[in-house]
Amino acid sequence: MTVRRRLQHETAGAGECFPANPYCGTRTRLPAEDYVIKEKYLRRYRRLAEFLSEAGQPHIAGLDALMNVGPDSDEIWIEKGLSEAEKRFVAIHELVHARRQLSGEDFEDYQVEEPIVELEAIARTPTAVLGQLSNGLALTLLHDFLTDFGQFNPNTAEGLAAIQRRISVLLGGRPTTACAPASKSHE
């Protein structure tokens, strides 16, 4: 897909790239009320992570969090050994995954999805928390770019759309959702 074609997705040509989805983009707030966040010592499962990594799932090699676990698949487990700032960021990151899944925006390909989630999580994380992480200055500058120094609120449709456009710019014009919103005539 050329850059021009990718940019068309962000404008009027979106329906041509992806099928219309009535749920696409309908959820802007993180679904924190739908999940129970628990701290667990996940790193003791490093061998399992290494095995799964060798089986073609390299993204879980770090194993800082697991989502959709527990008896009702409504839990997010976060590595207990992380700092408080890291735990907050990881929780936001996992909730961004959940928001995108519930809206039908997520890509199946991890290599495509993960940078989008990471950048949205940076935009949603308070700068005071980002400043406590390694590379805090760079993360804060990235947050300020994505949110236009706090002018774009990711909990509103307009703010999230503006942030997604900036994420697309950072990713070379790539689409940031795997769906296109349904037209008004389909609602």
N, C-alpha and C. Protein backbone atom coordinates (compact mmCIF):
# COMPACT_ATOMS: atom_id res chain seq x y z
N MET A 1 0.85 -1.17 0.00
CA MET A 1 0.00 0.00 0.00
C MET A 1 0.90 1.23 0.00
N THR A 2 0.68 2.12 -0.94
CA THR A 2 1.50 3.31 -1.03
C THR A 2 1.10 4.32 0.05
N VAL A 3 1.99 5.29 0.26
CA VAL A 3 1.70 6.32 1.25
C VAL A 3 0.44 7.08 0.85
N ARG A 4 0.30 7.39 -0.43
CA ARG A 4 -0.90 8.11 -0.89
C ARG A 4 -2.15 7.31 -0.57
N ARG A 5 -2.13 6.01 -0.82
CA ARG A 5 -3.29 5.16 -0.53
C ARG A 5 -3.56 5.12 0.98
N ARG A 6 -2.50 5.05 1.77
CA ARG A 6 -2.66 5.05 3.23
C ARG A 6 -3.30 6.35 3.71
N LEU A 7 -2.85 7.45 3.16
CA LEU A 7 -3.40 8.74 3.57
C LEU A 7 -4.85 8.87 3.13
N GLN A 8 -5.23 8.25 2.00
CA GLN A 8 -6.61 8.26 1.58
C GLN A 8 -7.49 7.58 2.61
N HIS A 9 -6.96 6.55 3.27
CA HIS A 9 -7.73 5.88 4.32
C HIS A 9 -8.13 6.85 5.41
N GLU A 10 -7.25 7.78 5.75
CA GLU A 10 -7.51 8.71 6.82
C GLU A 10 -8.52 9.78 6.39
N THR A 11 -8.79 9.88 5.10
CA THR A 11 -9.73 10.90 4.65
C THR A 11 -10.96 10.22 4.06
N ALA A 12 -11.38 10.66 2.89
CA ALA A 12 -12.64 10.18 2.33
C ALA A 12 -12.58 8.73 1.85
N GLY A 13 -11.43 8.20 1.54
CA GLY A 13 -11.33 6.86 0.98
C GLY A 13 -11.31 5.75 2.00
N ALA A 14 -11.63 6.02 3.25
CA ALA A 14 -11.51 5.01 4.30
C ALA A 14 -12.33 3.78 4.02
N GLY A 15 -13.55 3.94 3.52
CA GLY A 15 -14.41 2.79 3.27
C GLY A 15 -13.87 1.87 2.20
N GLU A 16 -13.00 2.39 1.32
CA GLU A 16 -12.43 1.57 0.27
C GLU A 16 -11.38 0.60 0.80
N CYS A 17 -10.70 0.97 1.91
CA CYS A 17 -9.62 0.15 2.43
C CYS A 17 -10.13 -0.93 3.37
N PHE A 18 -11.10 -0.60 4.20
CA PHE A 18 -11.57 -1.51 5.22
C PHE A 18 -13.09 -1.54 5.21
N PRO A 19 -13.68 -2.66 5.61
CA PRO A 19 -15.14 -2.71 5.63
C PRO A 19 -15.71 -1.79 6.70
N ALA A 20 -16.91 -1.27 6.45
CA ALA A 20 -17.58 -0.43 7.43
C ALA A 20 -17.91 -1.27 8.66
N ASN A 21 -17.78 -0.68 9.82
CA ASN A 21 -18.03 -1.36 11.08
C ASN A 21 -18.81 -0.40 11.96
N PRO A 22 -20.04 -0.75 12.38
CA PRO A 22 -20.83 0.19 13.17
C PRO A 22 -20.21 0.50 14.53
N TYR A 23 -19.27 -0.34 15.01
CA TYR A 23 -18.64 -0.10 16.30
C TYR A 23 -17.30 0.64 16.18
N CYS A 24 -16.82 0.80 14.96
CA CYS A 24 -15.51 1.40 14.75
C CYS A 24 -15.48 2.83 15.28
N GLY A 25 -14.57 3.07 16.18
CA GLY A 25 -14.39 4.40 16.72
C GLY A 25 -15.45 4.86 17.68
N THR A 26 -16.34 3.96 18.10
CA THR A 26 -17.43 4.37 19.00
C THR A 26 -16.98 4.48 20.44
N ARG A 27 -15.88 3.86 20.77
CA ARG A 27 -15.42 3.88 22.16
C ARG A 27 -14.15 4.72 22.24
N THR A 28 -14.20 5.80 23.00
CA THR A 28 -13.02 6.65 23.15
C THR A 28 -12.40 6.49 24.53
N ARG A 29 -13.21 6.25 25.53
CA ARG A 29 -12.70 6.11 26.90
C ARG A 29 -12.14 4.71 27.11
N LEU A 30 -11.15 4.62 27.99
CA LEU A 30 -10.58 3.32 28.32
C LEU A 30 -11.59 2.54 29.15
N PRO A 31 -11.74 1.24 28.90
CA PRO A 31 -12.74 0.43 29.60
C PRO A 31 -12.28 -0.06 30.97
N ALA A 32 -11.78 0.84 31.79
CA ALA A 32 -11.23 0.47 33.10
C ALA A 32 -12.28 -0.20 33.98
N GLU A 33 -13.54 0.19 33.83
CA GLU A 33 -14.59 -0.39 34.65
C GLU A 33 -14.90 -1.84 34.28
N ASP A 34 -14.47 -2.27 33.12
CA ASP A 34 -14.73 -3.63 32.65
C ASP A 34 -13.66 -4.63 33.06
N TYR A 35 -12.56 -4.15 33.65
CA TYR A 35 -11.43 -5.01 33.98
C TYR A 35 -11.01 -4.86 35.44
N VAL A 36 -10.51 -5.95 35.98
CA VAL A 36 -9.89 -5.96 37.30
C VAL A 36 -8.39 -6.05 37.05
N ILE A 37 -7.64 -5.11 37.59
CA ILE A 37 -6.19 -5.12 37.40
C ILE A 37 -5.55 -5.72 38.64
N LYS A 38 -4.77 -6.78 38.41
CA LYS A 38 -4.11 -7.47 39.52
C LYS A 38 -2.60 -7.50 39.27
N GLU A 39 -1.86 -7.42 40.36
CA GLU A 39 -0.41 -7.53 40.27
C GLU A 39 -0.01 -8.98 40.54
N LYS A 40 0.83 -9.51 39.67
CA LYS A 40 1.30 -10.89 39.81
C LYS A 40 2.79 -10.91 39.45
N TYR A 41 3.47 -11.91 39.96
CA TYR A 41 4.88 -12.09 39.57
C TYR A 41 4.91 -12.87 38.26
N LEU A 42 4.75 -12.16 37.17
CA LEU A 42 4.68 -12.78 35.84
C LEU A 42 6.04 -13.22 35.33
N ARG A 43 7.09 -12.58 35.78
CA ARG A 43 8.42 -12.88 35.23
C ARG A 43 8.89 -14.27 35.62
N ARG A 44 8.25 -14.87 36.61
CA ARG A 44 8.63 -16.25 36.94
C ARG A 44 8.21 -17.21 35.83
N TYR A 45 7.36 -16.70 34.92
CA TYR A 45 6.94 -17.50 33.78
C TYR A 45 7.81 -17.22 32.55
N ARG A 46 9.03 -16.74 32.80
CA ARG A 46 9.93 -16.39 31.70
C ARG A 46 10.17 -17.56 30.74
N ARG A 47 10.29 -18.77 31.26
CA ARG A 47 10.50 -19.93 30.37
C ARG A 47 9.32 -20.11 29.44
N LEU A 48 8.12 -19.95 29.97
CA LEU A 48 6.94 -20.04 29.12
C LEU A 48 6.99 -18.94 28.06
N ALA A 49 7.35 -17.74 28.46
CA ALA A 49 7.45 -16.63 27.51
C ALA A 49 8.50 -16.92 26.45
N GLU A 50 9.64 -17.48 26.85
CA GLU A 50 10.68 -17.81 25.88
C GLU A 50 10.20 -18.88 24.92
N PHE A 51 9.48 -19.88 25.44
CA PHE A 51 8.94 -20.94 24.59
C PHE A 51 7.96 -20.36 23.58
N LEU A 52 7.04 -19.52 24.05
CA LEU A 52 6.07 -18.92 23.14
C LEU A 52 6.74 -17.98 22.15
N SER A 53 7.80 -17.32 22.58
CA SER A 53 8.55 -16.46 21.68
C SER A 53 9.16 -17.27 20.55
N GLU A 54 9.70 -18.43 20.88
CA GLU A 54 10.27 -19.30 19.85
C GLU A 54 9.19 -19.87 18.95
N ALA A 55 7.96 -19.94 19.45
CA ALA A 55 6.85 -20.47 18.67
C ALA A 55 6.21 -19.39 17.80
N GLY A 56 6.86 -18.25 17.66
CA GLY A 56 6.37 -17.22 16.75
C GLY A 56 5.59 -16.10 17.41
N GLN A 57 5.64 -15.97 18.72
CA GLN A 57 4.96 -14.88 19.40
C GLN A 57 5.97 -14.06 20.19
N PRO A 58 6.85 -13.33 19.51
CA PRO A 58 7.93 -12.62 20.20
C PRO A 58 7.46 -11.50 21.10
N HIS A 59 6.24 -11.02 20.91
CA HIS A 59 5.78 -9.88 21.68
C HIS A 59 5.57 -10.17 23.15
N ILE A 60 5.50 -11.41 23.58
CA ILE A 60 5.28 -11.66 25.00
C ILE A 60 6.57 -12.01 25.72
N ALA A 61 7.70 -11.88 25.05
CA ALA A 61 8.96 -12.25 25.67
C ALA A 61 9.24 -11.44 26.94
N GLY A 62 8.82 -10.18 27.00
CA GLY A 62 9.03 -9.37 28.19
C GLY A 62 8.08 -9.75 29.32
N LEU A 63 6.88 -10.10 28.98
CA LEU A 63 5.83 -10.54 29.91
C LEU A 63 5.65 -9.57 31.07
N ASP A 64 5.34 -8.31 30.76
CA ASP A 64 5.04 -7.32 31.78
C ASP A 64 3.55 -7.31 32.11
N ALA A 65 2.72 -7.88 31.23
CA ALA A 65 1.28 -7.89 31.48
C ALA A 65 0.60 -8.95 30.62
N LEU A 66 -0.54 -9.39 31.10
CA LEU A 66 -1.42 -10.28 30.35
C LEU A 66 -2.83 -9.72 30.45
N MET A 67 -3.56 -9.76 29.35
CA MET A 67 -4.91 -9.22 29.32
C MET A 67 -5.91 -10.32 29.01
N ASN A 68 -7.15 -10.12 29.43
CA ASN A 68 -8.24 -11.07 29.21
C ASN A 68 -7.95 -12.41 29.86
N VAL A 69 -7.48 -12.37 31.10
CA VAL A 69 -7.20 -13.59 31.87
C VAL A 69 -8.16 -13.64 33.06
N GLY A 70 -8.08 -14.71 33.81
CA GLY A 70 -8.96 -14.91 34.95
C GLY A 70 -10.17 -15.73 34.55
N PRO A 71 -10.96 -16.15 35.51
CA PRO A 71 -12.10 -17.02 35.24
C PRO A 71 -13.12 -16.43 34.25
N ASP A 72 -13.30 -15.11 34.30
CA ASP A 72 -14.26 -14.47 33.41
C ASP A 72 -13.59 -13.67 32.29
N SER A 73 -12.30 -13.87 32.10
CA SER A 73 -11.51 -13.14 31.10
C SER A 73 -11.65 -11.63 31.24
N ASP A 74 -11.80 -11.17 32.48
CA ASP A 74 -11.96 -9.74 32.72
C ASP A 74 -10.85 -9.17 33.60
N GLU A 75 -9.71 -9.85 33.57
CA GLU A 75 -8.59 -9.40 34.40
C GLU A 75 -7.40 -9.01 33.54
N ILE A 76 -6.66 -8.04 34.05
CA ILE A 76 -5.37 -7.67 33.47
C ILE A 76 -4.35 -7.93 34.57
N TRP A 77 -3.37 -8.76 34.28
CA TRP A 77 -2.32 -9.04 35.24
C TRP A 77 -1.09 -8.23 34.86
N ILE A 78 -0.54 -7.54 35.83
CA ILE A 78 0.64 -6.70 35.62
C ILE A 78 1.77 -7.21 36.50
N GLU A 79 2.98 -7.20 35.95
CA GLU A 79 4.16 -7.65 36.69
C GLU A 79 4.32 -6.85 37.97
N LYS A 80 4.34 -7.56 39.07
CA LYS A 80 4.42 -6.94 40.40
C LYS A 80 5.76 -6.25 40.65
N GLY A 81 6.82 -6.69 39.98
CA GLY A 81 8.15 -6.14 40.22
C GLY A 81 8.42 -4.81 39.52
N LEU A 82 7.47 -4.28 38.79
CA LEU A 82 7.66 -3.00 38.11
C LEU A 82 7.53 -1.85 39.10
N SER A 83 8.10 -0.70 38.74
CA SER A 83 7.91 0.50 39.56
C SER A 83 6.45 0.94 39.44
N GLU A 84 6.01 1.81 40.33
CA GLU A 84 4.62 2.28 40.29
C GLU A 84 4.31 3.00 38.97
N ALA A 85 5.25 3.79 38.48
CA ALA A 85 5.05 4.49 37.20
C ALA A 85 4.94 3.49 36.06
N GLU A 86 5.79 2.47 36.06
CA GLU A 86 5.72 1.45 35.02
C GLU A 86 4.40 0.69 35.08
N LYS A 87 3.93 0.39 36.27
CA LYS A 87 2.65 -0.30 36.42
C LYS A 87 1.51 0.54 35.84
N ARG A 88 1.52 1.83 36.13
CA ARG A 88 0.47 2.72 35.60
C ARG A 88 0.52 2.76 34.08
N PHE A 89 1.73 2.87 33.54
CA PHE A 89 1.84 2.93 32.08
C PHE A 89 1.40 1.61 31.45
N VAL A 90 1.83 0.49 32.01
CA VAL A 90 1.46 -0.83 31.48
C VAL A 90 -0.05 -1.02 31.56
N ALA A 91 -0.67 -0.59 32.65
CA ALA A 91 -2.13 -0.71 32.78
C ALA A 91 -2.83 0.10 31.68
N ILE A 92 -2.38 1.32 31.45
CA ILE A 92 -2.97 2.15 30.40
C ILE A 92 -2.76 1.49 29.04
N HIS A 93 -1.56 0.96 28.80
CA HIS A 93 -1.26 0.28 27.55
C HIS A 93 -2.23 -0.87 27.32
N GLU A 94 -2.45 -1.70 28.33
CA GLU A 94 -3.35 -2.85 28.18
C GLU A 94 -4.79 -2.39 28.00
N LEU A 95 -5.19 -1.32 28.66
CA LEU A 95 -6.55 -0.79 28.48
C LEU A 95 -6.74 -0.19 27.09
N VAL A 96 -5.68 0.34 26.50
CA VAL A 96 -5.77 0.81 25.11
C VAL A 96 -6.02 -0.39 24.20
N HIS A 97 -5.30 -1.50 24.44
CA HIS A 97 -5.58 -2.73 23.67
C HIS A 97 -7.06 -3.09 23.79
N ALA A 98 -7.58 -3.07 25.01
CA ALA A 98 -8.97 -3.44 25.24
C ALA A 98 -9.92 -2.49 24.51
N ARG A 99 -9.66 -1.18 24.59
CA ARG A 99 -10.51 -0.20 23.92
C ARG A 99 -10.56 -0.45 22.42
N ARG A 100 -9.38 -0.69 21.85
CA ARG A 100 -9.30 -0.92 20.41
C ARG A 100 -10.01 -2.21 20.02
N GLN A 101 -9.89 -3.25 20.84
CA GLN A 101 -10.58 -4.51 20.55
C GLN A 101 -12.09 -4.33 20.61
N LEU A 102 -12.57 -3.64 21.63
CA LEU A 102 -14.01 -3.43 21.79
C LEU A 102 -14.59 -2.57 20.67
N SER A 103 -13.78 -1.70 20.09
CA SER A 103 -14.22 -0.84 18.99
C SER A 103 -14.00 -1.48 17.63
N GLY A 104 -13.36 -2.63 17.60
CA GLY A 104 -13.07 -3.27 16.32
C GLY A 104 -11.97 -2.58 15.54
N GLU A 105 -11.16 -1.77 16.22
CA GLU A 105 -10.10 -1.00 15.56
C GLU A 105 -8.78 -1.75 15.47
N ASP A 106 -8.62 -2.82 16.23
CA ASP A 106 -7.31 -3.47 16.35
C ASP A 106 -6.97 -4.30 15.11
N PHE A 107 -5.68 -4.28 14.79
CA PHE A 107 -5.15 -5.09 13.70
C PHE A 107 -4.76 -6.46 14.26
N GLU A 108 -4.94 -7.50 13.46
CA GLU A 108 -4.55 -8.83 13.90
C GLU A 108 -3.04 -8.99 13.97
N ASP A 109 -2.33 -8.29 13.13
CA ASP A 109 -0.87 -8.38 13.06
C ASP A 109 -0.25 -7.57 14.20
N TYR A 110 0.43 -8.25 15.10
CA TYR A 110 1.04 -7.60 16.26
C TYR A 110 2.03 -6.52 15.85
N GLN A 111 2.80 -6.75 14.80
CA GLN A 111 3.81 -5.79 14.36
C GLN A 111 3.17 -4.49 13.89
N VAL A 112 1.94 -4.54 13.43
CA VAL A 112 1.21 -3.35 13.01
C VAL A 112 0.52 -2.70 14.22
N GLU A 113 -0.11 -3.52 15.05
CA GLU A 113 -0.93 -3.03 16.16
C GLU A 113 -0.11 -2.41 17.30
N GLU A 114 0.98 -3.04 17.67
CA GLU A 114 1.68 -2.63 18.89
C GLU A 114 2.20 -1.19 18.87
N PRO A 115 2.80 -0.71 17.78
CA PRO A 115 3.25 0.71 17.80
C PRO A 115 2.09 1.69 17.96
N ILE A 116 0.94 1.38 17.39
CA ILE A 116 -0.23 2.25 17.51
C ILE A 116 -0.69 2.30 18.96
N VAL A 117 -0.77 1.11 19.59
CA VAL A 117 -1.20 1.04 21.00
C VAL A 117 -0.20 1.77 21.89
N GLU A 118 1.08 1.56 21.63
CA GLU A 118 2.11 2.21 22.46
C GLU A 118 2.01 3.73 22.38
N LEU A 119 1.81 4.24 21.17
CA LEU A 119 1.72 5.70 21.00
C LEU A 119 0.44 6.25 21.61
N GLU A 120 -0.68 5.54 21.48
CA GLU A 120 -1.91 6.00 22.12
C GLU A 120 -1.76 5.97 23.64
N ALA A 121 -1.10 4.94 24.16
CA ALA A 121 -0.87 4.87 25.61
C ALA A 121 -0.01 6.04 26.08
N ILE A 122 0.99 6.42 25.30
CA ILE A 122 1.81 7.58 25.65
C ILE A 122 0.95 8.84 25.68
N ALA A 123 0.05 8.98 24.71
CA ALA A 123 -0.82 10.16 24.67
C ALA A 123 -1.77 10.20 25.86
N ARG A 124 -2.16 9.04 26.38
CA ARG A 124 -3.13 8.97 27.48
C ARG A 124 -2.48 9.02 28.87
N THR A 125 -1.20 8.78 28.95
CA THR A 125 -0.52 8.74 30.25
C THR A 125 -0.16 10.15 30.71
N PRO A 126 -0.46 10.48 31.97
CA PRO A 126 -0.08 11.81 32.47
C PRO A 126 1.44 12.04 32.34
N THR A 127 1.81 13.26 32.03
CA THR A 127 3.24 13.57 31.84
C THR A 127 4.03 13.35 33.12
N ALA A 128 3.40 13.51 34.28
CA ALA A 128 4.11 13.26 35.55
C ALA A 128 4.53 11.80 35.64
N VAL A 129 3.72 10.89 35.13
CA VAL A 129 4.06 9.47 35.13
C VAL A 129 5.13 9.19 34.08
N LEU A 130 4.95 9.75 32.89
CA LEU A 130 5.94 9.54 31.82
C LEU A 130 7.32 10.01 32.25
N GLY A 131 7.37 11.12 32.97
CA GLY A 131 8.65 11.66 33.43
C GLY A 131 9.40 10.74 34.37
N GLN A 132 8.70 9.81 35.01
CA GLN A 132 9.34 8.87 35.93
C GLN A 132 9.86 7.62 35.24
N LEU A 133 9.53 7.44 33.98
CA LEU A 133 9.97 6.27 33.23
C LEU A 133 11.33 6.52 32.60
N SER A 134 12.02 5.44 32.23
CA SER A 134 13.27 5.64 31.49
C SER A 134 12.91 6.34 30.18
N ASN A 135 13.76 7.21 29.71
CA ASN A 135 13.50 8.05 28.54
C ASN A 135 12.30 8.97 28.76
N GLY A 136 12.09 9.37 30.02
CA GLY A 136 10.93 10.19 30.38
C GLY A 136 10.82 11.48 29.60
N LEU A 137 11.95 12.14 29.34
CA LEU A 137 11.91 13.39 28.59
C LEU A 137 11.40 13.14 27.18
N ALA A 138 11.92 12.12 26.53
CA ALA A 138 11.48 11.80 25.16
C ALA A 138 10.00 11.41 25.14
N LEU A 139 9.57 10.64 26.12
CA LEU A 139 8.16 10.23 26.19
C LEU A 139 7.26 11.45 26.42
N THR A 140 7.70 12.38 27.25
CA THR A 140 6.92 13.59 27.51
C THR A 140 6.82 14.45 26.25
N LEU A 141 7.92 14.58 25.52
CA LEU A 141 7.88 15.33 24.26
C LEU A 141 6.95 14.67 23.25
N LEU A 142 6.98 13.35 23.18
CA LEU A 142 6.10 12.61 22.29
C LEU A 142 4.64 12.82 22.71
N HIS A 143 4.36 12.76 24.01
CA HIS A 143 3.02 13.02 24.54
C HIS A 143 2.54 14.41 24.12
N ASP A 144 3.41 15.39 24.28
CA ASP A 144 3.04 16.76 23.94
C ASP A 144 2.75 16.91 22.45
N PHE A 145 3.51 16.22 21.60
CA PHE A 145 3.24 16.26 20.16
C PHE A 145 1.90 15.60 19.86
N LEU A 146 1.68 14.40 20.41
CA LEU A 146 0.46 13.64 20.11
C LEU A 146 -0.80 14.37 20.57
N THR A 147 -0.72 15.05 21.71
CA THR A 147 -1.90 15.72 22.27
C THR A 147 -1.93 17.22 21.99
N ASP A 148 -0.98 17.71 21.22
CA ASP A 148 -0.82 19.14 20.97
C ASP A 148 -0.79 19.90 22.30
N PHE A 149 0.12 19.46 23.16
CA PHE A 149 0.31 20.06 24.48
C PHE A 149 -0.99 20.04 25.31
N GLY A 150 -1.71 18.92 25.22
CA GLY A 150 -2.93 18.75 26.01
C GLY A 150 -4.20 19.28 25.37
N GLN A 151 -4.10 19.81 24.16
CA GLN A 151 -5.29 20.34 23.48
C GLN A 151 -6.21 19.24 22.98
N PHE A 152 -5.66 18.06 22.67
CA PHE A 152 -6.47 16.94 22.17
C PHE A 152 -6.75 15.99 23.33
N ASN A 153 -8.01 15.82 23.67
CA ASN A 153 -8.41 14.93 24.74
C ASN A 153 -8.76 13.56 24.15
N PRO A 154 -8.01 12.51 24.49
CA PRO A 154 -8.28 11.20 23.89
C PRO A 154 -9.61 10.59 24.33
N ASN A 155 -10.29 11.17 25.31
CA ASN A 155 -11.58 10.66 25.75
C ASN A 155 -12.75 11.25 24.97
N THR A 156 -12.45 12.08 23.97
CA THR A 156 -13.49 12.60 23.09
C THR A 156 -13.22 12.09 21.68
N ALA A 157 -14.26 11.98 20.88
CA ALA A 157 -14.11 11.48 19.51
C ALA A 157 -13.18 12.39 18.70
N GLU A 158 -13.35 13.70 18.85
CA GLU A 158 -12.52 14.64 18.10
C GLU A 158 -11.06 14.57 18.54
N GLY A 159 -10.84 14.52 19.86
CA GLY A 159 -9.47 14.46 20.38
C GLY A 159 -8.76 13.17 19.99
N LEU A 160 -9.47 12.04 20.11
CA LEU A 160 -8.86 10.76 19.74
C LEU A 160 -8.56 10.72 18.25
N ALA A 161 -9.46 11.25 17.43
CA ALA A 161 -9.22 11.28 15.98
C ALA A 161 -7.97 12.13 15.67
N ALA A 162 -7.81 13.24 16.35
CA ALA A 162 -6.63 14.10 16.12
C ALA A 162 -5.36 13.37 16.54
N ILE A 163 -5.42 12.68 17.68
CA ILE A 163 -4.26 11.91 18.13
C ILE A 163 -3.95 10.79 17.15
N GLN A 164 -4.97 10.10 16.65
CA GLN A 164 -4.76 9.02 15.68
C GLN A 164 -4.13 9.56 14.39
N ARG A 165 -4.53 10.75 13.97
CA ARG A 165 -3.90 11.34 12.77
C ARG A 165 -2.42 11.59 13.02
N ARG A 166 -2.06 12.07 14.21
CA ARG A 166 -0.65 12.31 14.52
C ARG A 166 0.12 11.00 14.65
N ILE A 167 -0.52 9.97 15.18
CA ILE A 167 0.12 8.65 15.23
C ILE A 167 0.38 8.17 13.82
N SER A 168 -0.58 8.36 12.93
CA SER A 168 -0.41 7.96 11.53
C SER A 168 0.78 8.68 10.89
N VAL A 169 0.93 9.95 11.19
CA VAL A 169 2.07 10.71 10.66
C VAL A 169 3.39 10.10 11.15
N LEU A 170 3.45 9.79 12.45
CA LEU A 170 4.68 9.20 13.01
C LEU A 170 4.99 7.83 12.40
N LEU A 171 3.95 7.12 11.97
CA LEU A 171 4.12 5.78 11.41
C LEU A 171 4.16 5.80 9.88
N GLY A 172 4.47 6.93 9.32
CA GLY A 172 4.64 7.02 7.88
C GLY A 172 3.36 7.03 7.08
N GLY A 173 2.27 7.48 7.67
CA GLY A 173 1.01 7.57 6.95
C GLY A 173 0.16 6.31 7.00
N ARG A 174 0.60 5.34 7.79
CA ARG A 174 -0.14 4.08 7.92
C ARG A 174 -1.49 4.30 8.59
N PRO A 175 -2.53 3.56 8.19
CA PRO A 175 -3.81 3.63 8.89
C PRO A 175 -3.64 3.23 10.35
N THR A 176 -4.45 3.81 11.22
CA THR A 176 -4.35 3.49 12.64
C THR A 176 -5.53 2.66 13.14
N THR A 177 -6.49 2.37 12.27
CA THR A 177 -7.59 1.49 12.64
C THR A 177 -7.77 0.43 11.56
N ALA A 178 -8.20 -0.75 11.98
CA ALA A 178 -8.42 -1.85 11.04
C ALA A 178 -9.86 -1.87 10.54
N CYS A 179 -10.58 -0.78 10.76
CA CYS A 179 -11.96 -0.70 10.31
C CYS A 179 -12.24 0.73 9.87
N ALA A 180 -13.35 0.89 9.22
CA ALA A 180 -13.82 2.21 8.84
C ALA A 180 -15.16 2.43 9.52
N PRO A 181 -15.38 3.62 10.08
CA PRO A 181 -16.68 3.87 10.71
C PRO A 181 -17.81 3.71 9.68
N ALA A 182 -18.94 3.19 10.15
CA ALA A 182 -20.10 3.07 9.26
C ALA A 182 -20.58 4.47 8.90
N SER A 183 -21.07 4.61 7.68
CA SER A 183 -21.59 5.92 7.28
C SER A 183 -22.89 6.18 8.04
N LYS A 184 -23.30 7.42 8.07
CA LYS A 184 -24.52 7.81 8.80
C LYS A 184 -25.74 7.04 8.29
N SER A 185 -25.75 6.68 6.99
CA SER A 185 -26.89 5.95 6.44
C SER A 185 -26.98 4.53 6.97
N HIS A 186 -25.87 3.98 7.49
CA HIS A 186 -25.88 2.62 8.03
C HIS A 186 -26.28 2.59 9.50
N GLU A 187 -26.31 3.72 10.17
CA GLU A 187 -26.59 3.74 11.61
C GLU A 187 -28.06 3.68 11.90
